[in-house]
C-alpha atoms as a PDB file:
ATOM      1  CA  MET A   1      42.660  -5.700   4.814  1.00  0.00           C
ATOM      2  CA  LEU A   2      45.675  -4.394   6.693  1.00  0.00           C
ATOM      3  CA  THR A   3      47.838  -7.305   5.604  1.00  0.00           C
ATOM      4  CA  LYS A   4      46.849  -6.791   1.978  1.00  0.00           C
ATOM      5  CA  ALA A   5      47.678  -3.056   2.216  1.00  0.00           C
ATOM      6  CA  GLN A   6      51.079  -3.832   3.743  1.00  0.00           C
ATOM      7  CA  LYS A   7      51.805  -6.430   1.091  1.00  0.00           C
ATOM      8  CA  ASN A   8      50.912  -3.999  -1.727  1.00  0.00           C
ATOM      9  CA  GLN A   9      52.677  -1.097   0.018  1.00  0.00           C
ATOM     10  CA  VAL A  10      49.576   1.101  -0.074  1.00  0.00           C
ATOM     11  CA  ASN A  11      50.089   4.563   1.348  1.00  0.00           C
ATOM     12  CA  TYR A  12      48.299   5.654   4.510  1.00  0.00           C
ATOM     13  CA  LEU A  13      45.710   7.913   2.835  1.00  0.00           C
ATOM     14  CA  SER A  14      44.712   5.243   0.312  1.00  0.00           C
ATOM     15  CA  PHE A  15      44.391   2.657   3.061  1.00  0.00           C
ATOM     16  CA  LEU A  16      42.337   5.032   5.200  1.00  0.00           C
ATOM     17  CA  ASN A  17      40.083   5.846   2.241  1.00  0.00           C
ATOM     18  CA  THR A  18      39.522   2.155   1.543  1.00  0.00           C
ATOM     19  CA  LEU A  19      38.782   1.497   5.202  1.00  0.00           C
ATOM     20  CA  VAL A  20      36.283   4.351   5.438  1.00  0.00           C
ATOM     21  CA  GLU A  21      34.511   3.219   2.248  1.00  0.00           C
ATOM     22  CA  TYR A  22      34.267  -0.333   3.570  1.00  0.00           C
ATOM     23  CA  GLU A  23      32.839   0.856   6.903  1.00  0.00           C
ATOM     24  CA  ARG A  24      30.338   3.163   5.184  1.00  0.00           C
ATOM     25  CA  ASN A  25      29.131   0.387   2.859  1.00  0.00           C
ATOM     26  CA  LYS A  26      28.698  -2.049   5.749  1.00  0.00           C
ATOM     27  CA  ARG A  27      26.841   0.590   7.757  1.00  0.00           C
ATOM     28  CA  ASP A  28      24.553   1.315   4.776  1.00  0.00           C
ATOM     29  CA  GLU A  29      23.827  -2.407   4.327  1.00  0.00           C
ATOM     30  CA  LYS A  30      23.046  -2.821   8.019  1.00  0.00           C
ATOM     31  CA  ASN A  31      20.751   0.234   8.028  1.00  0.00           C
ATOM     32  CA  MET A  32      18.876  -1.068   4.989  1.00  0.00           C
ATOM     33  CA  GLU A  33      18.358  -4.453   6.638  1.00  0.00           C
ATOM     34  CA  LYS A  34      17.145  -2.750   9.786  1.00  0.00           C
ATOM     35  CA  ARG A  35      14.691  -0.547   7.870  1.00  0.00           C
ATOM     36  CA  LEU A  36      13.299  -3.504   5.932  1.00  0.00           C
ATOM     37  CA  LYS A  37      12.820  -5.406   9.171  1.00  0.00           C
ATOM     38  CA  LEU A  38      11.086  -2.437  10.855  1.00  0.00           C
ATOM     39  CA  ALA A  39       8.817  -1.962   7.837  1.00  0.00           C
ATOM     40  CA  SER A  40       7.364  -5.425   8.503  1.00  0.00           C
ATOM     41  CA  PHE A  41       6.733  -6.195   4.846  1.00  0.00           C
ATOM     42  CA  PRO A  42       5.060  -9.597   4.424  1.00  0.00           C
ATOM     43  CA  CYS A  43       7.724 -10.615   1.847  1.00  0.00           C
ATOM     44  CA  ILE A  44      10.231  -9.044  -0.504  1.00  0.00           C
ATOM     45  CA  THR A  45       9.191  -9.371  -4.156  1.00  0.00           C
ATOM     46  CA  PRO A  46      11.564  -8.183  -6.876  1.00  0.00           C
ATOM     47  CA  LEU A  47       9.986  -5.956  -9.503  1.00  0.00           C
ATOM     48  CA  ASP A  48      10.546  -8.497 -12.278  1.00  0.00           C
ATOM     49  CA  GLU A  49       8.334 -10.966 -10.364  1.00  0.00           C
ATOM     50  CA  PHE A  50       5.564  -8.452  -9.753  1.00  0.00           C
ATOM     51  CA  HIS A  51       2.683  -8.780 -12.233  1.00  0.00           C
ATOM     52  CA  LEU A  52      -0.039  -6.174 -12.810  1.00  0.00           C
ATOM     53  CA  TYR A  53      -3.253  -7.438 -14.358  1.00  0.00           C
END
């Protein structure tokens, strides 16, 4: 990420913003995985595969 920013001559604030967004997204993904694991659901079923009869 740093090499790409240097190559494209991105200013410091833009680089910092990109870095913070990346970290926030990774943290959100990790938290979601942790919550799903703690919920102990038997399996994950997407809504389009769920059938009500």
